[in-house]
Amino acid sequence: MNTAEMLNELQMKALKDDGLRNRFLATENEADPLDRFCKICQNEGYEIYPMDVIIAGEEAAAMKRSTNGGGENAPMLEGEDDFYELFLAALK
């Protein structure tokens, strides 16, 4: 299972479990939000590390560019490929 699939599975779990959802949302207030987020993922049995989340976002952006004829025809919205931000937005 790749990082995006693991994050999707975790997101579904968090949407059904208010305690888990609140723990993920509370990461926004941490000194290192992504690190704390990944620690929660690991505690839930998913080996996700900060670099995994960053690389997954970059891979998604690269895939989007490749389907645009190799060039960036549409400017990316800020945070569009930020899996951490997208994950939290879906929980709010």
PDB file of N, CA and C in Angstrom:
ATOM      1  N   MET A   1       0.854  -1.171   0.000  1.00  0.00           N
ATOM      2  CA  MET A   1       0.000   0.000   0.000  1.00  0.00           C
ATOM      3  C   MET A   1       0.906   1.242   0.000  1.00  0.00           C
ATOM      4  N   ASN A   2       0.632   2.194  -0.891  1.00  0.00           N
ATOM      5  CA  ASN A   2       1.461   3.398  -0.926  1.00  0.00           C
ATOM      6  C   ASN A   2       0.955   4.433   0.095  1.00  0.00           C
ATOM      7  N   THR A   3       1.691   5.511   0.219  1.00  0.00           N
ATOM      8  CA  THR A   3       1.375   6.525   1.242  1.00  0.00           C
ATOM      9  C   THR A   3      -0.014   7.107   1.049  1.00  0.00           C
ATOM     10  N   ALA A   4      -0.364   7.440  -0.191  1.00  0.00           N
ATOM     11  CA  ALA A   4      -1.683   8.022  -0.452  1.00  0.00           C
ATOM     12  C   ALA A   4      -2.797   7.056  -0.036  1.00  0.00           C
ATOM     13  N   GLU A   5      -2.623   5.779  -0.312  1.00  0.00           N
ATOM     14  CA  GLU A   5      -3.625   4.783   0.068  1.00  0.00           C
ATOM     15  C   GLU A   5      -3.722   4.645   1.589  1.00  0.00           C
ATOM     16  N   MET A   6      -2.556   4.663   2.260  1.00  0.00           N
ATOM     17  CA  MET A   6      -2.570   4.575   3.723  1.00  0.00           C
ATOM     18  C   MET A   6      -3.253   5.796   4.327  1.00  0.00           C
ATOM     19  N   LEU A   7      -2.954   6.984   3.778  1.00  0.00           N
ATOM     20  CA  LEU A   7      -3.584   8.202   4.296  1.00  0.00           C
ATOM     21  C   LEU A   7      -5.084   8.173   4.072  1.00  0.00           C
ATOM     22  N   ASN A   8      -5.508   7.664   2.931  1.00  0.00           N
ATOM     23  CA  ASN A   8      -6.936   7.560   2.657  1.00  0.00           C
ATOM     24  C   ASN A   8      -7.611   6.624   3.653  1.00  0.00           C
ATOM     25  N   GLU A   9      -6.974   5.499   3.927  1.00  0.00           N
ATOM     26  CA  GLU A   9      -7.523   4.535   4.893  1.00  0.00           C
ATOM     27  C   GLU A   9      -7.601   5.159   6.291  1.00  0.00           C
ATOM     28  N   LEU A  10      -6.538   5.858   6.681  1.00  0.00           N
ATOM     29  CA  LEU A  10      -6.528   6.527   7.987  1.00  0.00           C
ATOM     30  C   LEU A  10      -7.605   7.610   8.067  1.00  0.00           C
ATOM     31  N   GLN A  11      -7.783   8.319   6.990  1.00  0.00           N
ATOM     32  CA  GLN A  11      -8.799   9.371   6.958  1.00  0.00           C
ATOM     33  C   GLN A  11     -10.190   8.779   7.170  1.00  0.00           C
ATOM     34  N   MET A  12     -10.454   7.647   6.532  1.00  0.00           N
ATOM     35  CA  MET A  12     -11.745   6.986   6.696  1.00  0.00           C
ATOM     36  C   MET A  12     -11.941   6.548   8.154  1.00  0.00           C
ATOM     37  N   LYS A  13     -10.866   6.028   8.770  1.00  0.00           N
ATOM     38  CA  LYS A  13     -10.938   5.630  10.180  1.00  0.00           C
ATOM     39  C   LYS A  13     -11.218   6.838  11.064  1.00  0.00           C
ATOM     40  N   ALA A  14     -10.530   7.947  10.797  1.00  0.00           N
ATOM     41  CA  ALA A  14     -10.683   9.158  11.611  1.00  0.00           C
ATOM     42  C   ALA A  14     -12.074   9.759  11.478  1.00  0.00           C
ATOM     43  N   LEU A  15     -12.683   9.614  10.307  1.00  0.00           N
ATOM     44  CA  LEU A  15     -14.035  10.147  10.120  1.00  0.00           C
ATOM     45  C   LEU A  15     -15.068   9.359  10.929  1.00  0.00           C
ATOM     46  N   LYS A  16     -14.731   8.127  11.283  1.00  0.00           N
ATOM     47  CA  LYS A  16     -15.637   7.286  12.074  1.00  0.00           C
ATOM     48  C   LYS A  16     -15.306   7.296  13.559  1.00  0.00           C
ATOM     49  N   ASP A  17     -14.116   7.802  13.913  1.00  0.00           N
ATOM     50  CA  ASP A  17     -13.637   7.780  15.298  1.00  0.00           C
ATOM     51  C   ASP A  17     -13.277   9.201  15.725  1.00  0.00           C
ATOM     52  N   ASP A  18     -14.161   9.826  16.517  1.00  0.00           N
ATOM     53  CA  ASP A  18     -13.948  11.220  16.917  1.00  0.00           C
ATOM     54  C   ASP A  18     -12.653  11.428  17.696  1.00  0.00           C
ATOM     55  N   GLY A  19     -12.259  10.449  18.511  1.00  0.00           N
ATOM     56  CA  GLY A  19     -11.015  10.572  19.269  1.00  0.00           C
ATOM     57  C   GLY A  19      -9.813  10.670  18.338  1.00  0.00           C
ATOM     58  N   LEU A  20      -9.761   9.791  17.354  1.00  0.00           N
ATOM     59  CA  LEU A  20      -8.674   9.808  16.379  1.00  0.00           C
ATOM     60  C   LEU A  20      -8.734  11.078  15.550  1.00  0.00           C
ATOM     61  N   ARG A  21      -9.906  11.454  15.138  1.00  0.00           N
ATOM     62  CA  ARG A  21     -10.092  12.691  14.360  1.00  0.00           C
ATOM     63  C   ARG A  21      -9.547  13.888  15.125  1.00  0.00           C
ATOM     64  N   ASN A  22      -9.902  13.999  16.385  1.00  0.00           N
ATOM     65  CA  ASN A  22      -9.450  15.136  17.205  1.00  0.00           C
ATOM     66  C   ASN A  22      -7.941  15.119  17.427  1.00  0.00           C
ATOM     67  N   ARG A  23      -7.362  13.925  17.545  1.00  0.00           N
ATOM     68  CA  ARG A  23      -5.904  13.847  17.690  1.00  0.00           C
ATOM     69  C   ARG A  23      -5.210  14.353  16.433  1.00  0.00           C
ATOM     70  N   PHE A  24      -5.740  13.975  15.280  1.00  0.00           N
ATOM     71  CA  PHE A  24      -5.149  14.466  14.030  1.00  0.00           C
ATOM     72  C   PHE A  24      -5.315  15.984  13.910  1.00  0.00           C
ATOM     73  N   LEU A  25      -6.489  16.487  14.213  1.00  0.00           N
ATOM     74  CA  LEU A  25      -6.731  17.931  14.093  1.00  0.00           C
ATOM     75  C   LEU A  25      -5.855  18.731  15.057  1.00  0.00           C
ATOM     76  N   ALA A  26      -5.569  18.167  16.216  1.00  0.00           N
ATOM     77  CA  ALA A  26      -4.751  18.864  17.206  1.00  0.00           C
ATOM     78  C   ALA A  26      -3.297  19.015  16.754  1.00  0.00           C
ATOM     79  N   THR A  27      -2.881  18.260  15.748  1.00  0.00           N
ATOM     80  CA  THR A  27      -1.497  18.369  15.287  1.00  0.00           C
ATOM     81  C   THR A  27      -1.195  19.751  14.716  1.00  0.00           C
ATOM     82  N   GLU A  28      -2.222  20.450  14.265  1.00  0.00           N
ATOM     83  CA  GLU A  28      -2.008  21.801  13.713  1.00  0.00           C
ATOM     84  C   GLU A  28      -1.373  22.744  14.726  1.00  0.00           C
ATOM     85  N   ASN A  29      -1.584  22.484  16.006  1.00  0.00           N
ATOM     86  CA  ASN A  29      -1.085  23.359  17.063  1.00  0.00           C
ATOM     87  C   ASN A  29       0.281  22.952  17.597  1.00  0.00           C
ATOM     88  N   GLU A  30       0.872  21.909  17.032  1.00  0.00           N
ATOM     89  CA  GLU A  30       2.171  21.412  17.483  1.00  0.00           C
ATOM     90  C   GLU A  30       3.307  22.232  16.880  1.00  0.00           C
ATOM     91  N   ALA A  31       4.458  22.208  17.536  1.00  0.00           N
ATOM     92  CA  ALA A  31       5.647  22.894  17.011  1.00  0.00           C
ATOM     93  C   ALA A  31       6.069  22.283  15.675  1.00  0.00           C
ATOM     94  N   ASP A  32       5.947  20.963  15.545  1.00  0.00           N
ATOM     95  CA  ASP A  32       6.259  20.266  14.292  1.00  0.00           C
ATOM     96  C   ASP A  32       5.038  19.422  13.919  1.00  0.00           C
ATOM     97  N   PRO A  33       4.037  20.052  13.288  1.00  0.00           N
ATOM     98  CA  PRO A  33       2.764  19.372  13.028  1.00  0.00           C
ATOM     99  C   PRO A  33       2.887  18.080  12.228  1.00  0.00           C
ATOM    100  N   LEU A  34       3.718  18.098  11.181  1.00  0.00           N
ATOM    101  CA  LEU A  34       3.823  16.910  10.336  1.00  0.00           C
ATOM    102  C   LEU A  34       4.456  15.742  11.093  1.00  0.00           C
ATOM    103  N   ASP A  35       5.441  16.027  11.915  1.00  0.00           N
ATOM    104  CA  ASP A  35       6.069  14.974  12.704  1.00  0.00           C
ATOM    105  C   ASP A  35       5.061  14.346  13.666  1.00  0.00           C
ATOM    106  N   ARG A  36       4.302  15.175  14.355  1.00  0.00           N
ATOM    107  CA  ARG A  36       3.288  14.671  15.300  1.00  0.00           C
ATOM    108  C   ARG A  36       2.214  13.881  14.559  1.00  0.00           C
ATOM    109  N   PHE A  37       1.807  14.381  13.397  1.00  0.00           N
ATOM    110  CA  PHE A  37       0.826  13.703  12.553  1.00  0.00           C
ATOM    111  C   PHE A  37       1.316  12.290  12.216  1.00  0.00           C
ATOM    112  N   CYS A  38       2.576  12.197  11.810  1.00  0.00           N
ATOM    113  CA  CYS A  38       3.149  10.900  11.437  1.00  0.00           C
ATOM    114  C   CYS A  38       3.257   9.968  12.636  1.00  0.00           C
ATOM    115  N   LYS A  39       3.527  10.508  13.803  1.00  0.00           N
ATOM    116  CA  LYS A  39       3.587   9.678  15.018  1.00  0.00           C
ATOM    117  C   LYS A  39       2.218   9.049  15.293  1.00  0.00           C
ATOM    118  N   ILE A  40       1.164   9.815  15.077  1.00  0.00           N
ATOM    119  CA  ILE A  40      -0.187   9.265  15.253  1.00  0.00           C
ATOM    120  C   ILE A  40      -0.434   8.161  14.228  1.00  0.00           C
ATOM    121  N   CYS A  41      -0.036   8.409  12.988  1.00  0.00           N
ATOM    122  CA  CYS A  41      -0.178   7.387  11.943  1.00  0.00           C
ATOM    123  C   CYS A  41       0.540   6.104  12.361  1.00  0.00           C
ATOM    124  N   GLN A  42       1.763   6.248  12.858  1.00  0.00           N
ATOM    125  CA  GLN A  42       2.552   5.085  13.275  1.00  0.00           C
ATOM    126  C   GLN A  42       1.892   4.365  14.449  1.00  0.00           C
ATOM    127  N   ASN A  43       1.333   5.122  15.385  1.00  0.00           N
ATOM    128  CA  ASN A  43       0.633   4.507  16.515  1.00  0.00           C
ATOM    129  C   ASN A  43      -0.598   3.723  16.067  1.00  0.00           C
ATOM    130  N   GLU A  44      -1.131   4.105  14.919  1.00  0.00           N
ATOM    131  CA  GLU A  44      -2.292   3.407  14.362  1.00  0.00           C
ATOM    132  C   GLU A  44      -1.879   2.230  13.476  1.00  0.00           C
ATOM    133  N   GLY A  45      -0.556   1.995  13.366  1.00  0.00           N
ATOM    134  CA  GLY A  45      -0.072   0.851  12.605  1.00  0.00           C
ATOM    135  C   GLY A  45       0.320   1.147  11.168  1.00  0.00           C
ATOM    136  N   TYR A  46       0.440   2.410  10.819  1.00  0.00           N
ATOM    137  CA  TYR A  46       0.808   2.796   9.462  1.00  0.00           C
ATOM    138  C   TYR A  46       2.202   3.431   9.487  1.00  0.00           C
ATOM    139  N   GLU A  47       3.138   2.829   8.791  1.00  0.00           N
ATOM    140  CA  GLU A  47       4.512   3.325   8.763  1.00  0.00           C
ATOM    141  C   GLU A  47       4.593   4.510   7.794  1.00  0.00           C
ATOM    142  N   ILE A  48       4.197   5.659   8.281  1.00  0.00           N
ATOM    143  CA  ILE A  48       4.226   6.895   7.501  1.00  0.00           C
ATOM    144  C   ILE A  48       5.136   7.873   8.218  1.00  0.00           C
ATOM    145  N   TYR A  49       6.063   8.430   7.461  1.00  0.00           N
ATOM    146  CA  TYR A  49       7.038   9.380   7.997  1.00  0.00           C
ATOM    147  C   TYR A  49       6.909  10.698   7.234  1.00  0.00           C
ATOM    148  N   PRO A  50       7.388  11.792   7.832  1.00  0.00           N
ATOM    149  CA  PRO A  50       7.229  13.101   7.175  1.00  0.00           C
ATOM    150  C   PRO A  50       7.662  13.116   5.705  1.00  0.00           C
ATOM    151  N   MET A  51       8.804  12.519   5.404  1.00  0.00           N
ATOM    152  CA  MET A  51       9.266  12.540   4.015  1.00  0.00           C
ATOM    153  C   MET A  51       8.317  11.777   3.096  1.00  0.00           C
ATOM    154  N   ASP A  52       7.659  10.745   3.612  1.00  0.00           N
ATOM    155  CA  ASP A  52       6.686  10.001   2.808  1.00  0.00           C
ATOM    156  C   ASP A  52       5.537  10.914   2.378  1.00  0.00           C
ATOM    157  N   VAL A  53       5.066  11.731   3.315  1.00  0.00           N
ATOM    158  CA  VAL A  53       3.948  12.635   3.026  1.00  0.00           C
ATOM    159  C   VAL A  53       4.386  13.692   2.013  1.00  0.00           C
ATOM    160  N   ILE A  54       5.583  14.221   2.176  1.00  0.00           N
ATOM    161  CA  ILE A  54       6.099  15.244   1.261  1.00  0.00           C
ATOM    162  C   ILE A  54       6.286  14.666  -0.133  1.00  0.00           C
ATOM    163  N   ILE A  55       6.898  13.487  -0.212  1.00  0.00           N
ATOM    164  CA  ILE A  55       7.145  12.867  -1.517  1.00  0.00           C
ATOM    165  C   ILE A  55       5.827  12.515  -2.204  1.00  0.00           C
ATOM    166  N   ALA A  56       4.846  12.043  -1.463  1.00  0.00           N
ATOM    167  CA  ALA A  56       3.549  11.698  -2.051  1.00  0.00           C
ATOM    168  C   ALA A  56       2.924  12.926  -2.703  1.00  0.00           C
ATOM    169  N   GLY A  57       3.044  14.084  -2.072  1.00  0.00           N
ATOM    170  CA  GLY A  57       2.513  15.310  -2.649  1.00  0.00           C
ATOM    171  C   GLY A  57       3.263  15.709  -3.899  1.00  0.00           C
ATOM    172  N   GLU A  58       4.578  15.565  -3.875  1.00  0.00           N
ATOM    173  CA  GLU A  58       5.382  15.908  -5.050  1.00  0.00           C
ATOM    174  C   GLU A  58       5.093  14.963  -6.205  1.00  0.00           C
ATOM    175  N   GLU A  59       4.882  13.682  -5.907  1.00  0.00           N
ATOM    176  CA  GLU A  59       4.560  12.714  -6.954  1.00  0.00           C
ATOM    177  C   GLU A  59       3.209  13.032  -7.580  1.00  0.00           C
ATOM    178  N   ALA A  60       2.254  13.442  -6.776  1.00  0.00           N
ATOM    179  CA  ALA A  60       0.941  13.810  -7.306  1.00  0.00           C
ATOM    180  C   ALA A  60       1.052  15.022  -8.214  1.00  0.00           C
ATOM    181  N   ALA A  61       1.859  15.998  -7.825  1.00  0.00           N
ATOM    182  CA  ALA A  61       2.049  17.192  -8.649  1.00  0.00           C
ATOM    183  C   ALA A  61       2.749  16.835  -9.952  1.00  0.00           C
ATOM    184  N   ALA A  62       3.740  15.960  -9.893  1.00  0.00           N
ATOM    185  CA  ALA A  62       4.461  15.543 -11.099  1.00  0.00           C
ATOM    186  C   ALA A  62       3.536  14.805 -12.053  1.00  0.00           C
ATOM    187  N   MET A  63       2.661  13.964 -11.496  1.00  0.00           N
ATOM    188  CA  MET A  63       1.718  13.236 -12.331  1.00  0.00           C
ATOM    189  C   MET A  63       0.770  14.211 -13.024  1.00  0.00           C
ATOM    190  N   LYS A  64       0.329  15.196 -12.295  1.00  0.00           N
ATOM    191  CA  LYS A  64      -0.568  16.193 -12.881  1.00  0.00           C
ATOM    192  C   LYS A  64       0.129  16.926 -14.022  1.00  0.00           C
ATOM    193  N   ARG A  65       1.385  17.302 -13.800  1.00  0.00           N
ATOM    194  CA  ARG A  65       2.128  17.990 -14.856  1.00  0.00           C
ATOM    195  C   ARG A  65       2.305  17.095 -16.072  1.00  0.00           C
ATOM    196  N   SER A  66       2.538  15.815 -15.860  1.00  0.00           N
ATOM    197  CA  SER A  66       2.763  14.914 -16.987  1.00  0.00           C
ATOM    198  C   SER A  66       1.499  14.745 -17.814  1.00  0.00           C
ATOM    199  N   THR A  67       0.337  14.861 -17.211  1.00  0.00           N
ATOM    200  CA  THR A  67      -0.910  14.748 -17.967  1.00  0.00           C
ATOM    201  C   THR A  67      -1.279  16.065 -18.625  1.00  0.00           C
ATOM    202  N   ASN A  68      -0.529  17.102 -18.358  1.00  0.00           N
ATOM    203  CA  ASN A  68      -0.729  18.407 -18.981  1.00  0.00           C
ATOM    204  C   ASN A  68       0.256  18.602 -20.126  1.00  0.00           C
ATOM    205  N   GLY A  69       0.698  17.531 -20.751  1.00  0.00           N
ATOM    206  CA  GLY A  69       1.607  17.643 -21.871  1.00  0.00           C
ATOM    207  C   GLY A  69       3.038  17.945 -21.471  1.00  0.00           C
ATOM    208  N   GLY A  70       3.394  17.665 -20.228  1.00  0.00           N
ATOM    209  CA  GLY A  70       4.767  17.857 -19.787  1.00  0.00           C
ATOM    210  C   GLY A  70       5.051  19.232 -19.245  1.00  0.00           C
ATOM    211  N   GLY A  71       4.139  20.145 -19.389  1.00  0.00           N
ATOM    212  CA  GLY A  71       4.345  21.497 -18.860  1.00  0.00           C
ATOM    213  C   GLY A  71       3.265  21.838 -17.866  1.00  0.00           C
ATOM    214  N   GLU A  72       3.510  22.836 -17.100  1.00  0.00           N
ATOM    215  CA  GLU A  72       2.524  23.281 -16.113  1.00  0.00           C
ATOM    216  C   GLU A  72       1.620  24.294 -16.785  1.00  0.00           C
ATOM    217  N   ASN A  73       0.478  23.839 -17.281  1.00  0.00           N
ATOM    218  CA  ASN A  73      -0.451  24.714 -17.984  1.00  0.00           C
ATOM    219  C   ASN A  73      -1.388  25.444 -17.042  1.00  0.00           C
ATOM    220  N   ALA A  74      -1.612  24.857 -15.895  1.00  0.00           N
ATOM    221  CA  ALA A  74      -2.497  25.483 -14.917  1.00  0.00           C
ATOM    222  C   ALA A  74      -1.717  25.639 -13.626  1.00  0.00           C
ATOM    223  N   PRO A  75      -1.592  26.858 -13.134  1.00  0.00           N
ATOM    224  CA  PRO A  75      -0.837  27.026 -11.892  1.00  0.00           C
ATOM    225  C   PRO A  75      -1.483  26.236 -10.754  1.00  0.00           C
ATOM    226  N   MET A  76      -0.651  25.614  -9.943  1.00  0.00           N
ATOM    227  CA  MET A  76      -1.142  24.822  -8.824  1.00  0.00           C
ATOM    228  C   MET A  76      -1.639  25.743  -7.720  1.00  0.00           C
ATOM    229  N   LEU A  77      -2.748  25.393  -7.169  1.00  0.00           N
ATOM    230  CA  LEU A  77      -3.241  26.140  -6.025  1.00  0.00           C
ATOM    231  C   LEU A  77      -2.354  25.831  -4.840  1.00  0.00           C
ATOM    232  N   GLU A  78      -2.115  26.803  -3.997  1.00  0.00           N
ATOM    233  CA  GLU A  78      -1.268  26.568  -2.835  1.00  0.00           C
ATOM    234  C   GLU A  78      -1.870  25.469  -1.971  1.00  0.00           C
ATOM    235  N   GLY A  79      -1.041  24.501  -1.621  1.00  0.00           N
ATOM    236  CA  GLY A  79      -1.500  23.395  -0.783  1.00  0.00           C
ATOM    237  C   GLY A  79      -2.198  22.290  -1.540  1.00  0.00           C
ATOM    238  N   GLU A  80      -2.312  22.435  -2.861  1.00  0.00           N
ATOM    239  CA  GLU A  80      -3.033  21.445  -3.647  1.00  0.00           C
ATOM    240  C   GLU A  80      -2.416  20.052  -3.537  1.00  0.00           C
ATOM    241  N   ASP A  81      -1.090  19.992  -3.411  1.00  0.00           N
ATOM    242  CA  ASP A  81      -0.423  18.704  -3.331  1.00  0.00           C
ATOM    243  C   ASP A  81       0.069  18.405  -1.922  1.00  0.00           C
ATOM    244  N   ASP A  82      -0.420  19.136  -0.948  1.00  0.00           N
ATOM    245  CA  ASP A  82      -0.009  18.941   0.438  1.00  0.00           C
ATOM    246  C   ASP A  82      -0.960  17.950   1.090  1.00  0.00           C
ATOM    247  N   PHE A  83      -0.538  16.687   1.130  1.00  0.00           N
ATOM    248  CA  PHE A  83      -1.417  15.640   1.644  1.00  0.00           C
ATOM    249  C   PHE A  83      -1.804  15.860   3.097  1.00  0.00           C
ATOM    250  N   TYR A  84      -0.907  16.415   3.890  1.00  0.00           N
ATOM    251  CA  TYR A  84      -1.217  16.693   5.300  1.00  0.00           C
ATOM    252  C   TYR A  84      -2.371  17.695   5.389  1.00  0.00           C
ATOM    253  N   GLU A  85      -2.260  18.804   4.663  1.00  0.00           N
ATOM    254  CA  GLU A  85      -3.315  19.831   4.702  1.00  0.00           C
ATOM    255  C   GLU A  85      -4.633  19.298   4.139  1.00  0.00           C
ATOM    256  N   LEU A  86      -4.558  18.535   3.074  1.00  0.00           N
ATOM    257  CA  LEU A  86      -5.768  17.963   2.481  1.00  0.00           C
ATOM    258  C   LEU A  86      -6.437  16.976   3.442  1.00  0.00           C
ATOM    259  N   PHE A  87      -5.612  16.204   4.144  1.00  0.00           N
ATOM    260  CA  PHE A  87      -6.116  15.227   5.113  1.00  0.00           C
ATOM    261  C   PHE A  87      -6.901  15.952   6.199  1.00  0.00           C
ATOM    262  N   LEU A  88      -6.295  17.009   6.765  1.00  0.00           N
ATOM    263  CA  LEU A  88      -6.962  17.738   7.837  1.00  0.00           C
ATOM    264  C   LEU A  88      -8.210  18.446   7.336  1.00  0.00           C
ATOM    265  N   ALA A  89      -8.148  19.003   6.142  1.00  0.00           N
ATOM    266  CA  ALA A  89      -9.310  19.706   5.586  1.00  0.00           C
ATOM    267  C   ALA A  89     -10.495  18.768   5.469  1.00  0.00           C
ATOM    268  N   ALA A  90     -10.242  17.533   5.093  1.00  0.00           N
ATOM    269  CA  ALA A  90     -11.327  16.563   4.958  1.00  0.00           C
ATOM    270  C   ALA A  90     -11.926  16.201   6.317  1.00  0.00           C
ATOM    271  N   LEU A  91     -11.148  16.329   7.383  1.00  0.00           N
ATOM    272  CA  LEU A  91     -11.652  15.987   8.723  1.00  0.00           C
ATOM    273  C   LEU A  91     -12.434  17.132   9.358  1.00  0.00           C
ATOM    274  N   LYS A  92     -12.259  18.334   8.837  1.00  0.00           N
ATOM    275  CA  LYS A  92     -12.928  19.502   9.446  1.00  0.00           C
ATOM    276  C   LYS A  92     -14.385  19.614   9.056  1.00  0.00           C
TER     277      LYS A  92
END
